[in-house]
Amino acid sequence: MDKKLLDYYIDRFKPDSKEADLKKGQENRLKPLIKKLTNKESVFKDFPYELLEMKEKAELLNFLLNISQERQIVSNIGKDNVDRKFDNFLINDDITERLTSDFMSEHPDYEPWDLSLEREKNRKMIRDYSFSTQNVLQELNKLNEMIVKVIFDEVNAFKIVGIGYRNLGYIKDYIDYVSDGVLQFLVYRVMVSTNINDKQKIINNLSEKLDTLLCLMEKQLERKRVEQQKQKRLTSNVLTEYFTAYRTHYSRYYGELDILNTLMLEIEEDTNLFCSLNEKYRADKILLSEDEIKVSKSILTEENSIYEYEKKLDETRKIINIMGSYGGRQCFPNCLLDIKVYFREIFISTTKYKGKQTMTIVRDYLKFVENAGIQQFEKDSHYMFFREKISRGYFREKGLLDLYVAKVDVHVKLYKLLLKTYLFYDFLDSVELIYSINQQILQTFQFEVD
C-alpha cells in the first residue's frame, strides 16, 4: 500500500491512530478496500480510482469506511438488481449543492427539460403510419439536433452565473430517449413494415454499425483517460456521481438483457411452443363479440388442453384491460390477437424470472389491484419480464420470431454502447456522444429504408 496515502489519510481523518498498532489497524482496513476499487476484473474496471489525486483518494476511502450508512457498500454495488438503488455510493459536493440551491431560490420557476415527454411523442409518431418513414427519420434528426442544443444552452446559462452544471438526469433520459427511439423505429418501421423486403439485411447492417461505433468509443475512452491523467481534475465527488448513475442505469438495462436472455433460452429449448405458426391458428387484430370469443378456444389454445381455461381466459382479459386503459398499450380485452398473445405468454409459457412464472406475477398483481386499485407492479423487474414476454408473443403470432431473435442482438449492442457514455466522467462529452450515436444510427436507417 502507498505509505504516503496511508499517512495522509491518518493525518486527516484518524489523527488518534498514529501509534504503530493503531496505524497497522487502519492499514488493514484500507488495503482490502483499495484492492476492491482497483480490481480490473470486477465492476470497478470502469471506476478510474487511480486518476484521483491523493487528497481525493483519501476522501473517498474515508467516505466508504466511516460515513456511508450501507455496510458492504463496495461489494453491493457489484450486484445487478433492477429493484435497488446505489445512491449510498455517492459523495455529495456541499459547495455545488449550496450554489445550486441558491440558484433555485433565485429562479423558482426553473425546471429541467422532461425528455420523457419527447420520448412519448416519438413513439406516437413512429407508430403513426400516416407519416412516411422518410418523414419520421427527418423529424427524428431534427429532434436530436434540438435536444443537444437545449442541453448545451442550459449548461451555458448556468456557466454565466458561475455554476458548473452537470445534470446526470439528462444523460440518463437522453440515453433512454435514443434507445427507445431506435428500437421503436426498428420494430414499427422495419420489422413489421410491409414495404421492406430484406429486413434481415437492415438489422445486420445496424448490428455492424453498432460494432463499429463501440470500437471507436473504446479508442475515444482511451484518449480521454490520458487527458484526465494529465489534467488531474477528477474528484471523488464527480467519480462517485457518475459511477452511481452508471451502475443504476446499467442495472436496469442489464436486467432487461437478462430477461431477453431468459426468453431466448425458452425459444431454443421449447420447440413445440415456439414452432412455426399453423395458419389455421392465426389470430388477427380484430374485435370480437362475447359469443365469438367463446368459440375461439381452438385458436387461442392451438387445440392444447388447458386446465381451468375459462378462469385463465377471464384473467387474461382483465390484465389486457388494465394494460390498455392504464398502461398506454394498444390492446383490447375483446381483440382476438391480444387475447391470444397474453393468454399464451401468461398461461402456456412456463419460463421463470427470479423464481416466478408470469402466471404468478399476473395473478398477484390482479389480486393487488382488486384490493388497492390500479397500481404499478410491485417490482420493476416483474413488470419488465411481463412486458417483454408480451412483445415476444406478438412477434411469434406475426411469424417474425426469427427477426425477434435478431433484434435481441441489436438490443444488447445498443445498450452496451450507450451505457459507455457515462464512463467519460464528463457531462459535455457524454451528451455529445449520445447525440452522435443517435445521429449515425439514424443515418444508417436513412440509407437502408425507402
Protein backbone atom coordinates (compact mmCIF):
# COMPACT_ATOMS: atom_id res chain seq x y z
CA MET A 1 0.00 0.00 0.00
CA ASP A 2 1.09 3.59 -0.75
CA LYS A 3 2.67 4.83 2.51
CA LYS A 4 2.05 8.49 1.61
CA LEU A 5 -1.65 7.81 1.15
CA LEU A 6 -1.85 5.96 4.47
CA ASP A 7 -0.07 8.77 6.31
CA TYR A 8 -2.24 11.44 4.65
CA TYR A 9 -5.43 9.51 5.46
CA ILE A 10 -4.46 9.09 9.11
CA ASP A 11 -3.34 12.73 9.50
CA ARG A 12 -6.60 14.00 8.07
CA PHE A 13 -9.23 11.55 9.25
CA LYS A 14 -7.71 9.42 12.02
CA PRO A 15 -5.15 11.59 13.86
CA ASP A 16 -5.51 9.43 17.00
CA SER A 17 -4.23 6.37 15.11
CA LYS A 18 -0.56 7.32 14.70
CA GLU A 19 0.78 4.73 17.11
CA ALA A 20 2.20 1.67 15.34
CA ASP A 21 -0.51 -0.82 16.29
CA LEU A 22 -3.37 1.63 15.58
CA LYS A 23 -1.75 2.66 12.32
CA LYS A 24 -1.48 -1.01 11.34
CA GLY A 25 -5.18 -1.41 12.09
CA GLN A 26 -6.06 1.44 9.75
CA GLU A 27 -3.81 -0.01 7.07
CA ASN A 28 -5.61 -3.35 7.39
CA ARG A 29 -8.93 -1.56 6.82
CA LEU A 30 -7.70 0.38 3.81
CA LYS A 31 -5.86 -2.39 1.96
CA PRO A 32 -8.84 -4.63 1.09
CA LEU A 33 -10.96 -1.60 0.15
CA ILE A 34 -8.33 -0.24 -2.24
CA LYS A 35 -7.89 -3.72 -3.68
CA LYS A 36 -11.60 -3.86 -4.50
CA LEU A 37 -11.65 -0.36 -6.00
CA THR A 38 -8.70 -1.20 -8.27
CA ASN A 39 -9.82 -4.70 -9.26
CA LYS A 40 -9.97 -4.61 -13.07
CA GLU A 41 -11.75 -7.97 -13.13
CA SER A 42 -14.75 -6.51 -11.30
CA VAL A 43 -17.30 -3.76 -11.98
CA PHE A 44 -14.64 -1.32 -10.77
CA LYS A 45 -12.77 -1.73 -14.04
CA ASP A 46 -14.99 1.21 -15.07
CA PHE A 47 -14.07 3.26 -11.97
CA PRO A 48 -10.78 5.14 -12.60
CA TYR A 49 -9.72 5.37 -8.94
CA GLU A 50 -6.07 5.61 -10.00
CA LEU A 51 -6.73 9.02 -11.65
CA LEU A 52 -7.61 10.68 -8.36
CA GLU A 53 -5.13 12.87 -6.51
CA MET A 54 -4.09 11.65 -3.06
CA LYS A 55 -6.44 14.08 -1.29
CA GLU A 56 -9.42 12.81 -3.33
CA LYS A 57 -8.46 9.17 -2.78
CA ALA A 58 -8.36 9.74 0.97
CA GLU A 59 -11.77 11.46 0.93
CA LEU A 60 -13.27 8.56 -0.99
CA LEU A 61 -11.78 5.97 1.39
CA ASN A 62 -12.98 7.91 4.43
CA PHE A 63 -16.49 8.16 2.99
CA LEU A 64 -16.72 4.44 2.26
CA LEU A 65 -15.23 3.36 5.60
CA ASN A 66 -16.60 5.90 8.04
CA ILE A 67 -19.52 7.88 6.58
CA SER A 68 -21.67 5.73 4.30
CA GLN A 69 -24.57 4.11 6.13
CA GLU A 70 -24.55 0.98 3.97
CA ARG A 71 -22.50 -1.95 5.12
CA GLN A 72 -20.64 -3.85 2.39
CA ILE A 73 -21.30 -0.91 0.06
CA VAL A 74 -18.42 -1.73 -2.31
CA SER A 75 -19.47 -5.36 -2.63
CA ASN A 76 -23.14 -4.46 -3.09
CA ILE A 77 -22.51 -2.06 -5.96
CA GLY A 78 -21.30 -5.02 -7.99
CA LYS A 79 -24.67 -6.76 -7.72
CA ASP A 80 -27.02 -6.24 -10.66
CA ASN A 81 -30.53 -5.71 -9.34
CA VAL A 82 -33.02 -3.52 -11.16
CA ASP A 83 -35.09 -3.11 -7.98
CA ARG A 84 -32.34 -1.44 -5.91
CA LYS A 85 -30.56 1.92 -5.93
CA PHE A 86 -26.87 2.71 -5.50
CA ASP A 87 -27.12 6.20 -4.00
CA ASN A 88 -25.19 5.24 -0.87
CA PHE A 89 -22.05 5.22 -3.02
CA LEU A 90 -22.50 8.90 -3.86
CA ILE A 91 -20.34 11.54 -2.15
CA ASN A 92 -22.21 14.84 -2.02
CA ASP A 93 -20.46 18.05 -3.03
CA ASP A 94 -21.52 20.64 -0.44
CA ILE A 95 -20.32 23.64 -2.45
CA THR A 96 -22.14 22.61 -5.64
CA GLU A 97 -25.28 21.80 -3.66
CA ARG A 98 -25.20 25.24 -1.99
CA LEU A 99 -24.67 27.11 -5.28
CA THR A 100 -27.44 25.12 -6.96
CA SER A 101 -29.75 25.75 -4.00
CA ASP A 102 -29.04 29.48 -4.23
CA PHE A 103 -29.76 29.40 -7.98
CA MET A 104 -33.04 27.54 -7.46
CA SER A 105 -34.18 30.00 -4.80
CA GLU A 106 -33.49 32.87 -7.21
CA HIS A 107 -35.17 31.07 -10.13
CA PRO A 108 -38.17 29.25 -8.59
CA ASP A 109 -39.78 28.62 -12.00
CA TYR A 110 -36.80 26.70 -13.39
CA GLU A 111 -37.39 23.05 -14.21
CA PRO A 112 -35.10 20.68 -16.14
CA TRP A 113 -36.45 19.66 -19.53
CA ASP A 114 -38.52 16.48 -19.33
CA LEU A 115 -37.14 14.33 -22.14
CA SER A 116 -39.58 11.54 -21.35
CA LEU A 117 -42.28 13.67 -22.99
CA GLU A 118 -40.25 13.76 -26.21
CA ARG A 119 -39.83 10.01 -25.99
CA GLU A 120 -43.60 9.55 -25.84
CA LYS A 121 -44.13 11.91 -28.78
CA ASN A 122 -41.61 9.89 -30.78
CA ARG A 123 -43.44 6.67 -30.04
CA LYS A 124 -46.71 8.08 -31.33
CA MET A 125 -45.07 9.48 -34.45
CA ILE A 126 -43.16 6.27 -35.24
CA ARG A 127 -46.32 4.18 -34.86
CA ASP A 128 -48.46 6.60 -36.90
CA TYR A 129 -48.36 5.29 -40.46
CA SER A 130 -49.88 8.47 -41.85
CA PHE A 131 -46.27 9.73 -41.63
CA SER A 132 -43.92 8.31 -44.26
CA THR A 133 -40.80 6.58 -42.95
CA GLN A 134 -38.58 9.24 -44.51
CA ASN A 135 -40.58 11.99 -42.82
CA VAL A 136 -40.23 10.18 -39.50
CA LEU A 137 -36.44 9.97 -39.96
CA GLN A 138 -36.24 13.66 -40.83
CA GLU A 139 -38.22 14.57 -37.73
CA LEU A 140 -36.09 12.32 -35.52
CA ASN A 141 -32.96 14.04 -36.84
CA LYS A 142 -34.44 17.48 -36.12
CA LEU A 143 -35.35 16.42 -32.60
CA ASN A 144 -31.86 15.08 -31.99
CA GLU A 145 -30.40 18.44 -33.01
CA MET A 146 -32.88 20.27 -30.81
CA ILE A 147 -32.14 18.14 -27.73
CA VAL A 148 -28.39 18.67 -27.80
CA LYS A 149 -28.88 22.41 -28.39
CA VAL A 150 -31.30 22.81 -25.47
CA ILE A 151 -28.97 20.93 -23.10
CA PHE A 152 -25.89 22.92 -24.15
CA ASP A 153 -27.81 26.20 -23.87
CA GLU A 154 -28.76 25.23 -20.33
CA VAL A 155 -25.14 24.43 -19.47
CA ASN A 156 -24.08 27.85 -20.76
CA ALA A 157 -26.85 29.60 -18.81
CA PHE A 158 -25.57 28.08 -15.58
CA LYS A 159 -21.98 28.88 -16.53
CA ILE A 160 -22.86 32.57 -16.88
CA VAL A 161 -23.93 32.70 -13.22
CA GLY A 162 -20.83 30.81 -12.14
CA ILE A 163 -22.23 27.32 -11.63
CA GLY A 164 -20.53 24.30 -13.15
CA TYR A 165 -23.51 22.34 -14.43
CA ARG A 166 -23.82 18.59 -14.83
CA ASN A 167 -27.34 17.22 -14.67
CA LEU A 168 -26.77 13.48 -14.98
CA GLY A 169 -30.52 13.06 -15.24
CA TYR A 170 -30.15 14.42 -18.77
CA ILE A 171 -27.62 11.70 -19.61
CA LYS A 172 -30.00 9.03 -18.31
CA ASP A 173 -33.01 10.50 -20.10
CA TYR A 174 -31.12 11.10 -23.36
CA ILE A 175 -29.86 7.51 -23.37
CA ASP A 176 -33.40 6.26 -22.76
CA TYR A 177 -34.70 8.58 -25.48
CA VAL A 178 -32.20 7.23 -28.03
CA SER A 179 -32.51 3.55 -27.12
CA ASP A 180 -36.30 3.70 -27.14
CA GLY A 181 -36.42 5.61 -30.43
CA VAL A 182 -34.01 3.25 -32.20
CA LEU A 183 -35.81 0.11 -31.01
CA GLN A 184 -39.26 1.56 -31.74
CA PHE A 185 -38.18 2.53 -35.25
CA LEU A 186 -36.61 -0.88 -35.80
CA VAL A 187 -39.81 -2.67 -34.79
CA TYR A 188 -42.51 -0.46 -36.32
CA ARG A 189 -40.73 0.92 -39.40
CA VAL A 190 -38.62 -2.08 -40.34
CA MET A 191 -39.66 -5.39 -38.80
CA VAL A 192 -43.44 -5.14 -39.14
CA SER A 193 -43.38 -2.98 -42.27
CA THR A 194 -44.98 -4.40 -45.40
CA ASN A 195 -42.86 -2.12 -47.63
CA ILE A 196 -39.46 -3.64 -46.83
CA ASN A 197 -38.30 -6.87 -48.39
CA ASP A 198 -34.90 -7.63 -46.85
CA LYS A 199 -35.50 -6.81 -43.19
CA GLN A 200 -32.75 -9.13 -42.00
CA LYS A 201 -30.19 -7.16 -44.06
CA ILE A 202 -31.19 -3.89 -42.38
CA ILE A 203 -30.90 -5.46 -38.93
CA ASN A 204 -27.50 -6.96 -39.80
CA ASN A 205 -26.22 -3.61 -41.09
CA LEU A 206 -27.40 -1.87 -37.92
CA SER A 207 -25.65 -4.53 -35.83
CA GLU A 208 -22.39 -3.96 -37.75
CA LYS A 209 -22.75 -0.19 -37.31
CA LEU A 210 -23.07 -0.63 -33.55
CA ASP A 211 -19.91 -2.77 -33.55
CA THR A 212 -18.05 0.00 -35.38
CA LEU A 213 -19.29 2.70 -33.02
CA LEU A 214 -18.29 0.64 -29.99
CA CYS A 215 -14.73 0.22 -31.32
CA LEU A 216 -14.48 3.96 -31.96
CA MET A 217 -15.76 4.75 -28.48
CA GLU A 218 -13.20 2.45 -26.87
CA LYS A 219 -10.43 4.43 -28.61
CA GLN A 220 -12.01 7.74 -27.56
CA LEU A 221 -12.19 6.50 -23.98
CA GLU A 222 -8.51 5.58 -24.01
CA ARG A 223 -7.63 9.11 -25.18
CA LYS A 224 -9.91 10.61 -22.53
CA ARG A 225 -8.15 8.68 -19.76
CA VAL A 226 -4.77 10.01 -20.93
CA GLU A 227 -6.17 13.54 -20.92
CA GLN A 228 -7.68 13.10 -17.46
CA GLN A 229 -4.41 11.74 -16.14
CA LYS A 230 -2.63 14.89 -17.31
CA GLN A 231 -5.27 17.35 -16.11
CA LYS A 232 -5.77 15.76 -12.66
CA ARG A 233 -9.18 17.40 -12.30
CA LEU A 234 -11.30 14.39 -11.38
CA THR A 235 -12.70 14.46 -7.86
CA SER A 236 -14.15 11.75 -5.64
CA ASN A 237 -17.50 13.54 -5.88
CA VAL A 238 -17.51 13.50 -9.70
CA LEU A 239 -16.36 9.89 -9.86
CA THR A 240 -18.96 8.58 -7.43
CA GLU A 241 -21.72 10.69 -9.01
CA TYR A 242 -21.12 9.27 -12.48
CA PHE A 243 -20.43 5.75 -11.27
CA THR A 244 -23.61 5.72 -9.18
CA ALA A 245 -25.65 6.91 -12.17
CA TYR A 246 -23.89 4.39 -14.42
CA ARG A 247 -24.43 1.43 -12.11
CA THR A 248 -28.09 2.35 -11.55
CA HIS A 249 -28.73 2.60 -15.29
CA TYR A 250 -26.56 -0.45 -16.00
CA SER A 251 -28.56 -2.50 -13.51
CA ARG A 252 -31.83 -1.57 -15.19
CA TYR A 253 -30.59 -2.19 -18.73
CA TYR A 254 -28.82 -5.42 -17.89
CA GLY A 255 -31.93 -6.51 -16.04
CA GLU A 256 -33.73 -6.19 -19.37
CA LEU A 257 -30.96 -8.04 -21.18
CA ASP A 258 -31.07 -10.84 -18.60
CA ILE A 259 -34.80 -11.15 -19.28
CA LEU A 260 -34.15 -11.26 -23.03
CA ASN A 261 -31.59 -14.00 -22.48
CA THR A 262 -34.12 -16.00 -20.43
CA LEU A 263 -36.72 -15.67 -23.20
CA MET A 264 -34.19 -16.61 -25.88
CA LEU A 265 -33.34 -19.78 -23.98
CA GLU A 266 -37.01 -20.72 -23.84
CA ILE A 267 -37.31 -20.21 -27.60
CA GLU A 268 -34.35 -22.54 -28.14
CA GLU A 269 -35.48 -25.19 -25.65
CA ASP A 270 -39.27 -25.28 -26.12
CA THR A 271 -39.51 -26.01 -29.82
CA ASN A 272 -43.18 -27.07 -29.53
CA LEU A 273 -44.27 -23.77 -28.03
CA PHE A 274 -42.23 -21.71 -30.49
CA CYS A 275 -42.64 -23.71 -33.68
CA SER A 276 -43.84 -22.03 -36.87
CA LEU A 277 -47.43 -20.87 -36.56
CA ASN A 278 -50.03 -23.04 -38.28
CA GLU A 279 -52.20 -20.78 -40.44
CA LYS A 280 -55.43 -22.24 -39.03
CA TYR A 281 -54.46 -20.87 -35.60
CA ARG A 282 -53.61 -17.37 -36.81
CA ALA A 283 -55.22 -14.62 -34.74
CA ASP A 284 -56.00 -11.30 -36.41
CA LYS A 285 -56.20 -7.86 -34.79
CA ILE A 286 -59.99 -7.89 -34.83
CA LEU A 287 -62.61 -7.15 -32.18
CA LEU A 288 -64.97 -9.99 -31.28
CA SER A 289 -68.32 -10.27 -29.55
CA GLU A 290 -68.57 -12.31 -26.34
CA ASP A 291 -70.07 -15.21 -28.28
CA GLU A 292 -67.25 -15.09 -30.85
CA ILE A 293 -64.66 -15.15 -28.08
CA LYS A 294 -66.29 -18.27 -26.63
CA VAL A 295 -65.92 -20.17 -29.90
CA SER A 296 -62.30 -19.07 -30.45
CA LYS A 297 -60.84 -21.54 -27.96
CA SER A 298 -59.09 -23.67 -30.58
CA ILE A 299 -57.24 -20.62 -31.95
CA LEU A 300 -56.27 -19.32 -28.50
CA THR A 301 -55.01 -22.68 -27.25
CA GLU A 302 -53.96 -24.10 -30.64
CA GLU A 303 -56.02 -27.12 -29.52
CA ASN A 304 -53.87 -27.83 -26.49
CA SER A 305 -55.65 -28.90 -23.33
CA ILE A 306 -55.64 -26.04 -20.79
CA TYR A 307 -56.54 -26.58 -17.14
CA GLU A 308 -59.09 -24.02 -15.86
CA TYR A 309 -59.36 -22.48 -19.31
CA GLU A 310 -62.36 -20.24 -18.54
CA LYS A 311 -60.75 -18.80 -15.40
CA LYS A 312 -57.49 -18.13 -17.22
CA LEU A 313 -59.31 -16.51 -20.14
CA ASP A 314 -61.09 -14.19 -17.71
CA GLU A 315 -57.80 -13.27 -16.01
CA THR A 316 -56.21 -12.66 -19.40
CA ARG A 317 -58.91 -10.21 -20.40
CA LYS A 318 -58.66 -8.39 -17.06
CA ILE A 319 -54.93 -7.74 -17.40
CA ILE A 320 -55.38 -6.69 -21.05
CA ASN A 321 -57.99 -4.16 -19.94
CA ILE A 322 -55.60 -2.73 -17.34
CA MET A 323 -52.68 -2.57 -19.79
CA GLY A 324 -54.86 -0.90 -22.42
CA SER A 325 -56.66 1.54 -20.15
CA TYR A 326 -53.83 2.49 -17.80
CA GLY A 327 -50.60 1.16 -19.31
CA GLY A 328 -50.78 3.09 -22.57
CA ARG A 329 -50.88 -0.07 -24.70
CA GLN A 330 -52.94 -0.55 -27.85
CA CYS A 331 -54.61 -3.73 -26.61
CA PHE A 332 -58.26 -4.59 -26.02
CA PRO A 333 -59.94 -7.33 -23.93
CA ASN A 334 -62.12 -8.39 -26.88
CA CYS A 335 -59.36 -8.40 -29.53
CA LEU A 336 -58.51 -11.90 -30.77
CA LEU A 337 -54.80 -11.23 -31.33
CA ASP A 338 -54.33 -9.50 -27.96
CA ILE A 339 -56.15 -12.25 -26.07
CA LYS A 340 -54.09 -14.98 -27.73
CA VAL A 341 -50.72 -13.29 -27.16
CA TYR A 342 -51.43 -12.51 -23.50
CA PHE A 343 -53.02 -15.91 -22.86
CA ARG A 344 -50.09 -17.87 -24.29
CA GLU A 345 -47.37 -15.81 -22.63
CA ILE A 346 -49.10 -15.81 -19.24
CA PHE A 347 -50.53 -19.30 -19.00
CA ILE A 348 -48.80 -21.56 -21.54
CA SER A 349 -45.20 -20.33 -21.43
CA THR A 350 -43.75 -21.63 -18.14
CA THR A 351 -40.34 -19.97 -18.06
CA LYS A 352 -39.49 -18.21 -14.79
CA TYR A 353 -37.73 -15.00 -13.89
CA LYS A 354 -36.30 -14.69 -10.39
CA GLY A 355 -38.27 -17.77 -9.37
CA LYS A 356 -41.67 -16.60 -10.60
CA GLN A 357 -43.71 -17.61 -13.62
CA THR A 358 -45.69 -14.94 -15.46
CA MET A 359 -48.92 -16.57 -14.27
CA THR A 360 -47.95 -15.97 -10.64
CA ILE A 361 -46.80 -12.40 -11.32
CA VAL A 362 -50.06 -11.53 -13.10
CA ARG A 363 -52.32 -13.22 -10.54
CA ASP A 364 -50.53 -11.49 -7.66
CA TYR A 365 -50.92 -8.17 -9.47
CA LEU A 366 -54.63 -8.69 -10.22
CA LYS A 367 -55.24 -9.55 -6.58
CA PHE A 368 -53.35 -6.42 -5.52
CA VAL A 369 -55.39 -4.25 -7.92
CA GLU A 370 -58.62 -5.78 -6.65
CA ASN A 371 -57.76 -4.69 -3.10
CA ALA A 372 -55.91 -1.40 -3.67
CA GLY A 373 -56.91 -0.17 -7.12
CA ILE A 374 -54.68 0.36 -10.16
CA GLN A 375 -51.03 0.47 -9.08
CA GLN A 376 -47.60 -0.17 -10.54
CA PHE A 377 -46.27 -3.71 -10.37
CA GLU A 378 -44.66 -4.50 -7.01
CA LYS A 379 -41.27 -4.96 -8.66
CA ASP A 380 -39.93 -3.24 -11.77
CA SER A 381 -38.21 -6.48 -12.76
CA HIS A 382 -41.51 -8.39 -12.78
CA TYR A 383 -43.15 -5.77 -14.98
CA MET A 384 -40.18 -5.79 -17.37
CA PHE A 385 -40.38 -9.58 -17.62
CA PHE A 386 -44.11 -9.50 -18.30
CA ARG A 387 -43.83 -6.65 -20.82
CA GLU A 388 -41.03 -8.32 -22.81
CA LYS A 389 -42.86 -11.64 -22.91
CA ILE A 390 -45.89 -9.93 -24.42
CA SER A 391 -43.65 -8.27 -27.01
CA ARG A 392 -42.18 -11.65 -27.92
CA GLY A 393 -45.69 -13.10 -28.20
CA TYR A 394 -46.71 -10.57 -30.84
CA PHE A 395 -43.63 -11.35 -32.93
CA ARG A 396 -44.44 -15.04 -32.76
CA GLU A 397 -48.06 -14.50 -33.83
CA LYS A 398 -46.95 -12.37 -36.78
CA GLY A 399 -44.47 -15.02 -37.94
CA LEU A 400 -41.47 -12.78 -37.13
CA LEU A 401 -39.78 -14.79 -34.41
CA ASP A 402 -36.54 -15.02 -36.41
CA LEU A 403 -36.43 -11.21 -36.59
CA TYR A 404 -37.14 -11.01 -32.87
CA VAL A 405 -34.05 -13.10 -32.25
CA ALA A 406 -32.01 -10.77 -34.49
CA LYS A 407 -33.44 -7.72 -32.68
CA VAL A 408 -32.19 -9.07 -29.36
CA ASP A 409 -28.61 -8.92 -30.69
CA VAL A 410 -29.11 -5.25 -31.62
CA HIS A 411 -30.72 -4.59 -28.24
CA VAL A 412 -27.64 -5.91 -26.41
CA LYS A 413 -25.16 -3.91 -28.51
CA LEU A 414 -27.17 -0.69 -28.33
CA TYR A 415 -27.43 -0.79 -24.53
CA LYS A 416 -23.76 -1.62 -24.13
CA LEU A 417 -22.74 1.27 -26.40
CA LEU A 418 -24.97 3.90 -24.78
CA LEU A 419 -24.02 2.96 -21.23
CA LYS A 420 -20.35 3.54 -22.03
CA THR A 421 -21.05 7.25 -22.46
CA TYR A 422 -21.17 7.59 -18.66
CA LEU A 423 -17.57 6.39 -18.39
CA PHE A 424 -16.08 9.58 -19.79
CA TYR A 425 -16.91 11.24 -16.46
CA ASP A 426 -17.55 14.44 -18.39
CA PHE A 427 -21.06 15.83 -18.90
CA LEU A 428 -20.50 17.55 -22.25
CA ASP A 429 -18.59 14.56 -23.66
CA SER A 430 -21.39 12.21 -22.63
CA VAL A 431 -24.11 14.36 -24.19
CA GLU A 432 -22.12 14.82 -27.43
CA LEU A 433 -21.51 11.08 -27.68
CA ILE A 434 -25.18 10.19 -27.18
CA TYR A 435 -26.11 12.76 -29.81
CA SER A 436 -23.52 11.35 -32.24
CA ILE A 437 -24.63 7.75 -31.69
CA ASN A 438 -28.23 8.66 -32.43
CA GLN A 439 -27.25 10.72 -35.47
CA GLN A 440 -25.19 7.92 -37.01
CA ILE A 441 -27.82 5.26 -36.39
CA LEU A 442 -30.48 7.45 -38.00
CA GLN A 443 -28.14 7.92 -40.98
CA THR A 444 -27.83 4.14 -41.26
CA PHE A 445 -31.62 3.83 -41.35
CA GLN A 446 -31.77 6.65 -43.90
CA PHE A 447 -29.56 4.72 -46.29
CA GLU A 448 -31.43 1.43 -45.80
CA VAL A 449 -35.08 2.42 -45.68
CA ASP A 450 -37.06 3.82 -48.61
